[in-house]
């Protein structure tokens, strides 16, 4: 996991590749009898106190690292000249090669489900009210 997290800002990972690594990890756990083939996959990622296995989901770790890198660039660009150079370089990159644009897309994906659940709750309240 640490090797993957370290490479997030350097290698431009595609979502399909990250999901493939996650599937391979689960497959290896099953092959080495650390996870039953018919057991619930979601249980792997749940906290130990809740009955899970505390495995880190690779896609979630990837998204977290991207957002952390962009937050670092946004907060430290005035203090360090090299960070300022990196931020200006990232701003000029095409859409899928820019960490800043990928982070904006990830944040939008995280915000979007919350908006959908709010819409559902307001519609549900409209149906229930006389």
Protein backbone atom coordinates (compact mmCIF):
# COMPACT_ATOMS: atom_id res chain seq x y z
CA UNK A 1 0.00 0.00 0.00
CA UNK A 2 2.80 2.42 0.82
CA UNK A 3 4.40 1.87 -2.61
CA UNK A 4 1.11 2.68 -4.31
CA UNK A 5 0.53 5.78 -2.18
CA UNK A 6 4.04 7.01 -2.89
CA UNK A 7 3.55 6.65 -6.65
CA UNK A 8 0.21 8.51 -6.81
CA UNK A 9 1.65 11.92 -7.65
CA UNK A 10 4.26 10.46 -10.01
CA UNK A 11 2.42 7.81 -12.03
CA UNK A 12 -0.80 8.73 -13.78
CA UNK A 13 -2.97 5.81 -12.63
CA UNK A 14 -6.20 5.04 -14.47
CA UNK A 15 -9.24 4.01 -12.46
CA UNK A 16 -9.38 0.64 -14.23
CA UNK A 17 -5.79 -0.11 -13.19
CA UNK A 18 -6.50 0.73 -9.56
CA UNK A 19 -9.61 -1.46 -9.53
CA UNK A 20 -7.62 -4.29 -11.14
CA UNK A 21 -5.00 -4.09 -8.37
CA UNK A 22 -7.77 -4.16 -5.77
CA UNK A 23 -9.31 -7.29 -7.36
CA UNK A 24 -5.88 -8.93 -7.54
CA UNK A 25 -5.34 -8.24 -3.84
CA UNK A 26 -8.66 -9.84 -2.93
CA UNK A 27 -7.87 -12.80 -5.20
CA UNK A 28 -4.53 -13.34 -3.47
CA UNK A 29 -6.21 -13.20 -0.06
CA UNK A 30 -8.62 -15.90 -1.23
CA UNK A 31 -5.83 -18.05 -2.73
CA UNK A 32 -3.86 -17.93 0.51
CA UNK A 33 -6.99 -18.78 2.52
CA UNK A 34 -7.14 -15.44 4.28
CA UNK A 35 -10.57 -14.66 2.82
CA UNK A 36 -13.37 -17.12 2.05
CA UNK A 37 -14.49 -17.10 -1.62
CA UNK A 38 -18.15 -16.69 -0.67
CA UNK A 39 -17.56 -14.15 2.09
CA UNK A 40 -18.74 -10.56 1.79
CA UNK A 41 -16.17 -8.37 0.00
CA UNK A 42 -17.32 -5.17 1.70
CA UNK A 43 -16.47 -6.68 5.09
CA UNK A 44 -12.78 -6.49 4.17
CA UNK A 45 -12.90 -2.69 4.26
CA UNK A 46 -14.91 -2.26 7.47
CA UNK A 47 -13.29 -1.30 10.79
CA UNK A 48 -12.22 -4.08 13.16
CA UNK A 49 -14.65 -2.91 15.87
CA UNK A 50 -17.53 -3.34 13.41
CA UNK A 51 -16.49 -6.89 12.48
CA UNK A 52 -14.35 -6.09 9.47
CA UNK A 53 -10.80 -6.77 8.32
CA UNK A 54 -9.52 -3.15 8.04
CA UNK A 55 -8.10 -3.58 4.53
CA UNK A 56 -7.52 -0.22 2.85
CA UNK A 57 -9.44 0.18 -0.38
CA UNK A 58 -6.89 1.16 -3.01
CA UNK A 59 -9.22 3.45 -4.97
CA UNK A 60 -10.15 5.40 -1.82
CA UNK A 61 -6.48 5.72 -0.85
CA UNK A 62 -5.67 6.98 -4.36
CA UNK A 63 -8.37 9.64 -4.19
CA UNK A 64 -7.27 10.69 -0.70
CA UNK A 65 -3.65 11.09 -1.80
CA UNK A 66 -4.60 13.16 -4.87
CA UNK A 67 -6.69 15.52 -2.72
CA UNK A 68 -3.88 15.77 -0.13
CA UNK A 69 -1.32 16.66 -2.81
CA UNK A 70 -3.53 19.43 -4.20
CA UNK A 71 -4.22 20.78 -0.70
CA UNK A 72 -0.47 20.87 -0.09
CA UNK A 73 0.08 22.72 -3.37
CA UNK A 74 -2.65 25.23 -2.53
CA UNK A 75 -1.44 25.96 1.00
CA UNK A 76 2.35 26.01 0.46
CA UNK A 77 2.71 27.67 -2.93
CA UNK A 78 3.59 31.05 -1.38
CA UNK A 79 6.15 29.67 1.06
CA UNK A 80 8.23 27.57 -1.33
CA UNK A 81 9.43 28.60 -4.78
CA UNK A 82 9.57 25.00 -6.05
CA UNK A 83 6.00 24.28 -4.96
CA UNK A 84 4.96 27.38 -6.86
CA UNK A 85 6.70 26.04 -9.99
CA UNK A 86 4.97 22.67 -9.62
CA UNK A 87 1.58 24.33 -9.16
CA UNK A 88 1.99 26.51 -12.25
CA UNK A 89 3.15 23.47 -14.25
CA UNK A 90 0.16 21.42 -13.10
CA UNK A 91 -2.22 24.24 -14.04
CA UNK A 92 -1.03 24.16 -17.66
CA UNK A 93 -1.34 20.37 -18.11
CA UNK A 94 -4.13 18.79 -20.20
CA UNK A 95 -7.26 17.56 -18.38
CA UNK A 96 -6.34 14.00 -17.38
CA UNK A 97 -2.64 14.70 -16.74
CA UNK A 98 -3.17 17.46 -14.20
CA UNK A 99 -3.38 16.50 -10.54
CA UNK A 100 -5.35 19.69 -9.85
CA UNK A 101 -8.02 18.80 -12.44
CA UNK A 102 -8.20 15.17 -11.28
CA UNK A 103 -8.69 16.37 -7.68
CA UNK A 104 -11.48 18.72 -8.81
CA UNK A 105 -13.19 15.78 -10.54
CA UNK A 106 -12.82 13.58 -7.44
CA UNK A 107 -14.22 16.31 -5.18
CA UNK A 108 -17.16 16.75 -7.53
CA UNK A 109 -17.83 12.99 -7.38
CA UNK A 110 -17.76 13.14 -3.58
CA UNK A 111 -20.13 16.11 -3.45
CA UNK A 112 -22.54 14.73 -6.04
CA UNK A 113 -23.88 11.74 -4.03
CA UNK A 114 -24.62 14.06 -1.09
CA UNK A 115 -26.69 16.28 -3.38
CA UNK A 116 -28.59 13.24 -4.70
CA UNK A 117 -29.39 12.06 -1.18
CA UNK A 118 -30.62 15.56 -0.26
CA UNK A 119 -32.86 15.59 -3.35
CA UNK A 120 -34.21 12.16 -2.42
CA UNK A 121 -34.95 13.27 1.15
CA UNK A 122 -36.75 16.43 0.00
CA UNK A 123 -38.80 14.44 -2.54
CA UNK A 124 -39.64 11.89 0.12
CA UNK A 125 -40.78 14.63 2.50
CA UNK A 126 -42.96 16.07 -0.28
CA UNK A 127 -44.61 12.68 -0.79
CA UNK A 128 -45.22 12.14 2.90
CA UNK A 129 -46.62 15.59 3.64
CA UNK A 130 -50.35 16.17 3.02
